[in-house]
Amino acid sequence: MKPAPIGEGLALRRVRLAREDVYVLGGILAGEDHLASIHGEGACADGRVVVAIVTASARAAELDAWLDELAGPLGLERDP
């Protein structure tokens, strides 16, 4: 799989979540004034998937707050 684009001025976060929740997460991020983009990275042994989330460095704190808020409802876990 192609790695997520990352460069100057961008921040990257990785999360694990259920495959069926990837579209929900993408819709939420797009609905928040295109807060971030998601890029598939691979599958986990437990059937979940890892996605990379890329945003502008200036919006990284906003993205972190959204990810914290969505952790419970979507069951997502931050991936180091």
PDB file of N, CA and C in Angstrom:
ATOM      1  N   MET A   1       0.831  -1.173   0.000  1.00  0.00           N
ATOM      2  CA  MET A   1       0.000   0.000   0.000  1.00  0.00           C
ATOM      3  C   MET A   1       0.881   1.243   0.000  1.00  0.00           C
ATOM      4  N   LYS A   2       0.471   2.256  -0.718  1.00  0.00           N
ATOM      5  CA  LYS A   2       1.228   3.503  -0.818  1.00  0.00           C
ATOM      6  C   LYS A   2       1.208   4.231   0.525  1.00  0.00           C
ATOM      7  N   PRO A   3       2.375   4.691   1.020  1.00  0.00           N
ATOM      8  CA  PRO A   3       2.395   5.399   2.303  1.00  0.00           C
ATOM      9  C   PRO A   3       1.660   6.729   2.222  1.00  0.00           C
ATOM     10  N   ALA A   4       1.140   7.166   3.358  1.00  0.00           N
ATOM     11  CA  ALA A   4       0.418   8.432   3.429  1.00  0.00           C
ATOM     12  C   ALA A   4       1.363   9.580   3.100  1.00  0.00           C
ATOM     13  N   PRO A   5       0.849  10.609   2.404  1.00  0.00           N
ATOM     14  CA  PRO A   5       1.701  11.758   2.099  1.00  0.00           C
ATOM     15  C   PRO A   5       2.012  12.544   3.365  1.00  0.00           C
ATOM     16  N   ILE A   6       3.255  12.816   3.580  1.00  0.00           N
ATOM     17  CA  ILE A   6       3.630  13.610   4.742  1.00  0.00           C
ATOM     18  C   ILE A   6       4.830  14.469   4.330  1.00  0.00           C
ATOM     19  N   GLY A   7       4.799  15.674   4.733  1.00  0.00           N
ATOM     20  CA  GLY A   7       5.881  16.584   4.387  1.00  0.00           C
ATOM     21  C   GLY A   7       5.785  17.817   5.249  1.00  0.00           C
ATOM     22  N   GLU A   8       6.498  18.816   4.863  1.00  0.00           N
ATOM     23  CA  GLU A   8       6.519  20.052   5.624  1.00  0.00           C
ATOM     24  C   GLU A   8       5.117  20.634   5.741  1.00  0.00           C
ATOM     25  N   GLY A   9       4.746  20.991   6.950  1.00  0.00           N
ATOM     26  CA  GLY A   9       3.440  21.600   7.182  1.00  0.00           C
ATOM     27  C   GLY A   9       2.320  20.599   7.391  1.00  0.00           C
ATOM     28  N   LEU A  10       2.653  19.300   7.435  1.00  0.00           N
ATOM     29  CA  LEU A  10       1.631  18.272   7.632  1.00  0.00           C
ATOM     30  C   LEU A  10       1.903  17.491   8.908  1.00  0.00           C
ATOM     31  N   ALA A  11       0.829  16.999   9.519  1.00  0.00           N
ATOM     32  CA  ALA A  11       0.925  16.168  10.718  1.00  0.00           C
ATOM     33  C   ALA A  11       0.246  14.833  10.421  1.00  0.00           C
ATOM     34  N   LEU A  12       0.798  13.760  10.948  1.00  0.00           N
ATOM     35  CA  LEU A  12       0.306  12.402  10.697  1.00  0.00           C
ATOM     36  C   LEU A  12      -0.099  11.743  12.005  1.00  0.00           C
ATOM     37  N   ARG A  13      -1.254  11.115  12.000  1.00  0.00           N
ATOM     38  CA  ARG A  13      -1.703  10.297  13.122  1.00  0.00           C
ATOM     39  C   ARG A  13      -2.128   8.952  12.557  1.00  0.00           C
ATOM     40  N   ARG A  14      -1.865   7.873  13.276  1.00  0.00           N
ATOM     41  CA  ARG A  14      -2.320   6.549  12.860  1.00  0.00           C
ATOM     42  C   ARG A  14      -3.294   6.023  13.906  1.00  0.00           C
ATOM     43  N   VAL A  15      -4.371   5.407  13.418  1.00  0.00           N
ATOM     44  CA  VAL A  15      -5.357   4.811  14.312  1.00  0.00           C
ATOM     45  C   VAL A  15      -5.750   3.434  13.802  1.00  0.00           C
ATOM     46  N   ARG A  16      -6.211   2.604  14.737  1.00  0.00           N
ATOM     47  CA  ARG A  16      -6.774   1.299  14.396  1.00  0.00           C
ATOM     48  C   ARG A  16      -8.263   1.352  14.693  1.00  0.00           C
ATOM     49  N   LEU A  17      -9.053   0.793  13.787  1.00  0.00           N
ATOM     50  CA  LEU A  17     -10.497   0.748  14.000  1.00  0.00           C
ATOM     51  C   LEU A  17     -11.097  -0.346  13.135  1.00  0.00           C
ATOM     52  N   ALA A  18     -12.365  -0.633  13.372  1.00  0.00           N
ATOM     53  CA  ALA A  18     -13.066  -1.652  12.591  1.00  0.00           C
ATOM     54  C   ALA A  18     -13.172  -1.196  11.146  1.00  0.00           C
ATOM     55  N   ARG A  19     -13.018  -2.142  10.240  1.00  0.00           N
ATOM     56  CA  ARG A  19     -13.056  -1.842   8.802  1.00  0.00           C
ATOM     57  C   ARG A  19     -14.317  -1.069   8.423  1.00  0.00           C
ATOM     58  N   GLU A  20     -15.458  -1.455   8.974  1.00  0.00           N
ATOM     59  CA  GLU A  20     -16.721  -0.802   8.605  1.00  0.00           C
ATOM     60  C   GLU A  20     -16.835   0.633   9.123  1.00  0.00           C
ATOM     61  N   ASP A  21     -15.971   1.018  10.051  1.00  0.00           N
ATOM     62  CA  ASP A  21     -16.019   2.377  10.593  1.00  0.00           C
ATOM     63  C   ASP A  21     -15.117   3.358   9.851  1.00  0.00           C
ATOM     64  N   VAL A  22     -14.336   2.870   8.889  1.00  0.00           N
ATOM     65  CA  VAL A  22     -13.449   3.755   8.140  1.00  0.00           C
ATOM     66  C   VAL A  22     -14.263   4.801   7.378  1.00  0.00           C
ATOM     67  N   TYR A  23     -15.367   4.383   6.763  1.00  0.00           N
ATOM     68  CA  TYR A  23     -16.197   5.334   6.008  1.00  0.00           C
ATOM     69  C   TYR A  23     -16.850   6.350   6.937  1.00  0.00           C
ATOM     70  N   VAL A  24     -17.234   5.918   8.119  1.00  0.00           N
ATOM     71  CA  VAL A  24     -17.811   6.836   9.109  1.00  0.00           C
ATOM     72  C   VAL A  24     -16.765   7.882   9.494  1.00  0.00           C
ATOM     73  N   LEU A  25     -15.555   7.434   9.792  1.00  0.00           N
ATOM     74  CA  LEU A  25     -14.483   8.347  10.158  1.00  0.00           C
ATOM     75  C   LEU A  25     -14.195   9.324   9.018  1.00  0.00           C
ATOM     76  N   GLY A  26     -14.107   8.837   7.800  1.00  0.00           N
ATOM     77  CA  GLY A  26     -13.864   9.703   6.650  1.00  0.00           C
ATOM     78  C   GLY A  26     -14.948  10.747   6.480  1.00  0.00           C
ATOM     79  N   GLY A  27     -16.195  10.350   6.674  1.00  0.00           N
ATOM     80  CA  GLY A  27     -17.305  11.289   6.564  1.00  0.00           C
ATOM     81  C   GLY A  27     -17.256  12.357   7.634  1.00  0.00           C
ATOM     82  N   ILE A  28     -16.909  11.962   8.842  1.00  0.00           N
ATOM     83  CA  ILE A  28     -16.808  12.925   9.942  1.00  0.00           C
ATOM     84  C   ILE A  28     -15.698  13.938   9.649  1.00  0.00           C
ATOM     85  N   LEU A  29     -14.547  13.440   9.228  1.00  0.00           N
ATOM     86  CA  LEU A  29     -13.423  14.337   8.956  1.00  0.00           C
ATOM     87  C   LEU A  29     -13.716  15.270   7.787  1.00  0.00           C
ATOM     88  N   ALA A  30     -14.369  14.771   6.751  1.00  0.00           N
ATOM     89  CA  ALA A  30     -14.723  15.613   5.608  1.00  0.00           C
ATOM     90  C   ALA A  30     -15.762  16.657   6.012  1.00  0.00           C
ATOM     91  N   GLY A  31     -16.684  16.278   6.876  1.00  0.00           N
ATOM     92  CA  GLY A  31     -17.726  17.193   7.327  1.00  0.00           C
ATOM     93  C   GLY A  31     -17.210  18.291   8.232  1.00  0.00           C
ATOM     94  N   GLU A  32     -16.054  18.101   8.800  1.00  0.00           N
ATOM     95  CA  GLU A  32     -15.460  19.113   9.680  1.00  0.00           C
ATOM     96  C   GLU A  32     -14.539  20.023   8.877  1.00  0.00           C
ATOM     97  N   ASP A  33     -15.080  20.620   7.825  1.00  0.00           N
ATOM     98  CA  ASP A  33     -14.324  21.543   6.977  1.00  0.00           C
ATOM     99  C   ASP A  33     -13.047  20.879   6.467  1.00  0.00           C
ATOM    100  N   HIS A  34     -13.198  19.621   6.071  1.00  0.00           N
ATOM    101  CA  HIS A  34     -12.069  18.852   5.531  1.00  0.00           C
ATOM    102  C   HIS A  34     -10.870  18.898   6.475  1.00  0.00           C
ATOM    103  N   LEU A  35     -11.130  18.539   7.727  1.00  0.00           N
ATOM    104  CA  LEU A  35     -10.120  18.565   8.777  1.00  0.00           C
ATOM    105  C   LEU A  35      -8.890  17.737   8.412  1.00  0.00           C
ATOM    106  N   ALA A  36      -9.108  16.579   7.797  1.00  0.00           N
ATOM    107  CA  ALA A  36      -7.982  15.697   7.501  1.00  0.00           C
ATOM    108  C   ALA A  36      -8.376  14.733   6.395  1.00  0.00           C
ATOM    109  N   SER A  37      -7.387  14.045   5.869  1.00  0.00           N
ATOM    110  CA  SER A  37      -7.653  12.985   4.900  1.00  0.00           C
ATOM    111  C   SER A  37      -7.187  11.667   5.502  1.00  0.00           C
ATOM    112  N   ILE A  38      -7.816  10.579   5.077  1.00  0.00           N
ATOM    113  CA  ILE A  38      -7.420   9.275   5.594  1.00  0.00           C
ATOM    114  C   ILE A  38      -6.840   8.441   4.465  1.00  0.00           C
ATOM    115  N   HIS A  39      -5.890   7.592   4.845  1.00  0.00           N
ATOM    116  CA  HIS A  39      -5.181   6.748   3.895  1.00  0.00           C
ATOM    117  C   HIS A  39      -5.035   5.363   4.516  1.00  0.00           C
ATOM    118  N   GLY A  40      -5.518   4.342   3.821  1.00  0.00           N
ATOM    119  CA  GLY A  40      -5.397   2.985   4.327  1.00  0.00           C
ATOM    120  C   GLY A  40      -3.954   2.541   4.376  1.00  0.00           C
ATOM    121  N   GLU A  41      -3.612   1.836   5.450  1.00  0.00           N
ATOM    122  CA  GLU A  41      -2.237   1.354   5.584  1.00  0.00           C
ATOM    123  C   GLU A  41      -2.157  -0.152   5.693  1.00  0.00           C
ATOM    124  N   GLY A  42      -3.175  -0.802   6.222  1.00  0.00           N
ATOM    125  CA  GLY A  42      -3.092  -2.252   6.316  1.00  0.00           C
ATOM    126  C   GLY A  42      -4.079  -2.831   7.310  1.00  0.00           C
ATOM    127  N   ALA A  43      -4.089  -4.150   7.368  1.00  0.00           N
ATOM    128  CA  ALA A  43      -4.994  -4.879   8.252  1.00  0.00           C
ATOM    129  C   ALA A  43      -4.235  -5.414   9.454  1.00  0.00           C
ATOM    130  N   CYS A  44      -4.939  -5.544  10.562  1.00  0.00           N
ATOM    131  CA  CYS A  44      -4.387  -6.121  11.782  1.00  0.00           C
ATOM    132  C   CYS A  44      -4.845  -7.578  11.880  1.00  0.00           C
ATOM    133  N   ALA A  45      -4.175  -8.333  12.700  1.00  0.00           N
ATOM    134  CA  ALA A  45      -4.527  -9.739  12.890  1.00  0.00           C
ATOM    135  C   ALA A  45      -5.931  -9.904  13.473  1.00  0.00           C
ATOM    136  N   ASP A  46      -6.411  -8.902  14.202  1.00  0.00           N
ATOM    137  CA  ASP A  46      -7.729  -8.994  14.839  1.00  0.00           C
ATOM    138  C   ASP A  46      -8.870  -8.546  13.925  1.00  0.00           C
ATOM    139  N   GLY A  47      -8.574  -8.292  12.637  1.00  0.00           N
ATOM    140  CA  GLY A  47      -9.615  -7.894  11.695  1.00  0.00           C
ATOM    141  C   GLY A  47      -9.833  -6.395  11.593  1.00  0.00           C
ATOM    142  N   ARG A  48      -9.172  -5.648  12.460  1.00  0.00           N
ATOM    143  CA  ARG A  48      -9.271  -4.195  12.378  1.00  0.00           C
ATOM    144  C   ARG A  48      -8.294  -3.691  11.317  1.00  0.00           C
ATOM    145  N   VAL A  49      -8.358  -2.422  10.993  1.00  0.00           N
ATOM    146  CA  VAL A  49      -7.453  -1.840  10.001  1.00  0.00           C
ATOM    147  C   VAL A  49      -6.703  -0.662  10.609  1.00  0.00           C
ATOM    148  N   VAL A  50      -5.571  -0.360  10.014  1.00  0.00           N
ATOM    149  CA  VAL A  50      -4.783   0.808  10.408  1.00  0.00           C
ATOM    150  C   VAL A  50      -4.933   1.833   9.302  1.00  0.00           C
ATOM    151  N   VAL A  51      -5.297   3.043   9.683  1.00  0.00           N
ATOM    152  CA  VAL A  51      -5.369   4.128   8.723  1.00  0.00           C
ATOM    153  C   VAL A  51      -4.474   5.271   9.197  1.00  0.00           C
ATOM    154  N   ALA A  52      -3.874   5.945   8.234  1.00  0.00           N
ATOM    155  CA  ALA A  52      -3.098   7.149   8.512  1.00  0.00           C
ATOM    156  C   ALA A  52      -4.021   8.330   8.279  1.00  0.00           C
ATOM    157  N   ILE A  53      -3.953   9.283   9.167  1.00  0.00           N
ATOM    158  CA  ILE A  53      -4.765  10.494   9.064  1.00  0.00           C
ATOM    159  C   ILE A  53      -3.799  11.660   8.950  1.00  0.00           C
ATOM    160  N   VAL A  54      -3.952  12.440   7.894  1.00  0.00           N
ATOM    161  CA  VAL A  54      -3.038  13.543   7.609  1.00  0.00           C
ATOM    162  C   VAL A  54      -3.812  14.853   7.660  1.00  0.00           C
ATOM    163  N   THR A  55      -3.238  15.820   8.355  1.00  0.00           N
ATOM    164  CA  THR A  55      -3.834  17.148   8.444  1.00  0.00           C
ATOM    165  C   THR A  55      -2.735  18.196   8.395  1.00  0.00           C
ATOM    166  N   ALA A  56      -3.125  19.432   8.254  1.00  0.00           N
ATOM    167  CA  ALA A  56      -2.158  20.533   8.319  1.00  0.00           C
ATOM    168  C   ALA A  56      -1.650  20.632   9.755  1.00  0.00           C
ATOM    169  N   SER A  57      -0.375  20.911   9.907  1.00  0.00           N
ATOM    170  CA  SER A  57       0.204  21.023  11.255  1.00  0.00           C
ATOM    171  C   SER A  57      -0.572  22.015  12.117  1.00  0.00           C
ATOM    172  N   ALA A  58      -1.076  23.068  11.511  1.00  0.00           N
ATOM    173  CA  ALA A  58      -1.826  24.086  12.239  1.00  0.00           C
ATOM    174  C   ALA A  58      -3.136  23.536  12.798  1.00  0.00           C
ATOM    175  N   ARG A  59      -3.625  22.413  12.256  1.00  0.00           N
ATOM    176  CA  ARG A  59      -4.894  21.837  12.719  1.00  0.00           C
ATOM    177  C   ARG A  59      -4.688  20.544  13.503  1.00  0.00           C
ATOM    178  N   ALA A  60      -3.444  20.219  13.837  1.00  0.00           N
ATOM    179  CA  ALA A  60      -3.148  18.965  14.528  1.00  0.00           C
ATOM    180  C   ALA A  60      -3.854  18.865  15.882  1.00  0.00           C
ATOM    181  N   ALA A  61      -3.870  19.934  16.649  1.00  0.00           N
ATOM    182  CA  ALA A  61      -4.527  19.910  17.962  1.00  0.00           C
ATOM    183  C   ALA A  61      -6.026  19.685  17.805  1.00  0.00           C
ATOM    184  N   GLU A  62      -6.616  20.285  16.783  1.00  0.00           N
ATOM    185  CA  GLU A  62      -8.045  20.099  16.507  1.00  0.00           C
ATOM    186  C   GLU A  62      -8.317  18.631  16.138  1.00  0.00           C
ATOM    187  N   LEU A  63      -7.458  18.060  15.304  1.00  0.00           N
ATOM    188  CA  LEU A  63      -7.602  16.651  14.941  1.00  0.00           C
ATOM    189  C   LEU A  63      -7.465  15.758  16.167  1.00  0.00           C
ATOM    190  N   ASP A  64      -6.479  16.019  17.009  1.00  0.00           N
ATOM    191  CA  ASP A  64      -6.292  15.213  18.223  1.00  0.00           C
ATOM    192  C   ASP A  64      -7.535  15.248  19.109  1.00  0.00           C
ATOM    193  N   ALA A  65      -8.138  16.419  19.245  1.00  0.00           N
ATOM    194  CA  ALA A  65      -9.353  16.535  20.062  1.00  0.00           C
ATOM    195  C   ALA A  65     -10.483  15.696  19.463  1.00  0.00           C
ATOM    196  N   TRP A  66     -10.641  15.734  18.132  1.00  0.00           N
ATOM    197  CA  TRP A  66     -11.670  14.926  17.478  1.00  0.00           C
ATOM    198  C   TRP A  66     -11.398  13.444  17.649  1.00  0.00           C
ATOM    199  N   LEU A  67     -10.149  13.035  17.507  1.00  0.00           N
ATOM    200  CA  LEU A  67      -9.821  11.615  17.671  1.00  0.00           C
ATOM    201  C   LEU A  67     -10.105  11.150  19.095  1.00  0.00           C
ATOM    202  N   ASP A  68      -9.785  11.985  20.071  1.00  0.00           N
ATOM    203  CA  ASP A  68     -10.098  11.639  21.464  1.00  0.00           C
ATOM    204  C   ASP A  68     -11.602  11.489  21.663  1.00  0.00           C
ATOM    205  N   GLU A  69     -12.359  12.381  21.058  1.00  0.00           N
ATOM    206  CA  GLU A  69     -13.817  12.345  21.175  1.00  0.00           C
ATOM    207  C   GLU A  69     -14.414  11.117  20.479  1.00  0.00           C
ATOM    208  N   LEU A  70     -13.829  10.709  19.380  1.00  0.00           N
ATOM    209  CA  LEU A  70     -14.347   9.579  18.606  1.00  0.00           C
ATOM    210  C   LEU A  70     -13.853   8.221  19.099  1.00  0.00           C
ATOM    211  N   ALA A  71     -12.897   8.221  19.999  1.00  0.00           N
ATOM    212  CA  ALA A  71     -12.322   6.959  20.466  1.00  0.00           C
ATOM    213  C   ALA A  71     -13.391   6.024  21.030  1.00  0.00           C
ATOM    214  N   GLY A  72     -14.276   6.551  21.824  1.00  0.00           N
ATOM    215  CA  GLY A  72     -15.331   5.713  22.414  1.00  0.00           C
ATOM    216  C   GLY A  72     -16.353   5.247  21.391  1.00  0.00           C
ATOM    217  N   PRO A  73     -17.034   6.164  20.699  1.00  0.00           N
ATOM    218  CA  PRO A  73     -18.076   5.757  19.764  1.00  0.00           C
ATOM    219  C   PRO A  73     -17.588   4.860  18.631  1.00  0.00           C
ATOM    220  N   LEU A  74     -16.392   5.113  18.104  1.00  0.00           N
ATOM    221  CA  LEU A  74     -15.886   4.299  16.996  1.00  0.00           C
ATOM    222  C   LEU A  74     -14.938   3.199  17.462  1.00  0.00           C
ATOM    223  N   GLY A  75     -14.577   3.215  18.723  1.00  0.00           N
ATOM    224  CA  GLY A  75     -13.662   2.198  19.230  1.00  0.00           C
ATOM    225  C   GLY A  75     -12.284   2.276  18.585  1.00  0.00           C
ATOM    226  N   LEU A  76     -11.890   3.485  18.197  1.00  0.00           N
ATOM    227  CA  LEU A  76     -10.581   3.587  17.565  1.00  0.00           C
ATOM    228  C   LEU A  76      -9.490   3.704  18.605  1.00  0.00           C
ATOM    229  N   GLU A  77      -8.332   3.220  18.245  1.00  0.00           N
ATOM    230  CA  GLU A  77      -7.161   3.256  19.113  1.00  0.00           C
ATOM    231  C   GLU A  77      -6.043   3.946  18.368  1.00  0.00           C
ATOM    232  N   ARG A  78      -5.331   4.803  19.072  1.00  0.00           N
ATOM    233  CA  ARG A  78      -4.150   5.446  18.475  1.00  0.00           C
ATOM    234  C   ARG A  78      -3.086   4.380  18.265  1.00  0.00           C
ATOM    235  N   ASP A  79      -2.425   4.438  17.143  1.00  0.00           N
ATOM    236  CA  ASP A  79      -1.355   3.508  16.817  1.00  0.00           C
ATOM    237  C   ASP A  79      -0.057   4.291  16.831  1.00  0.00           C
ATOM    238  N   PRO A  80       0.911   3.865  17.620  1.00  0.00           N
ATOM    239  CA  PRO A  80       2.159   4.654  17.711  1.00  0.00           C
ATOM    240  C   PRO A  80       2.884   4.793  16.394  1.00  0.00           C
TER     241      PRO A  80
END
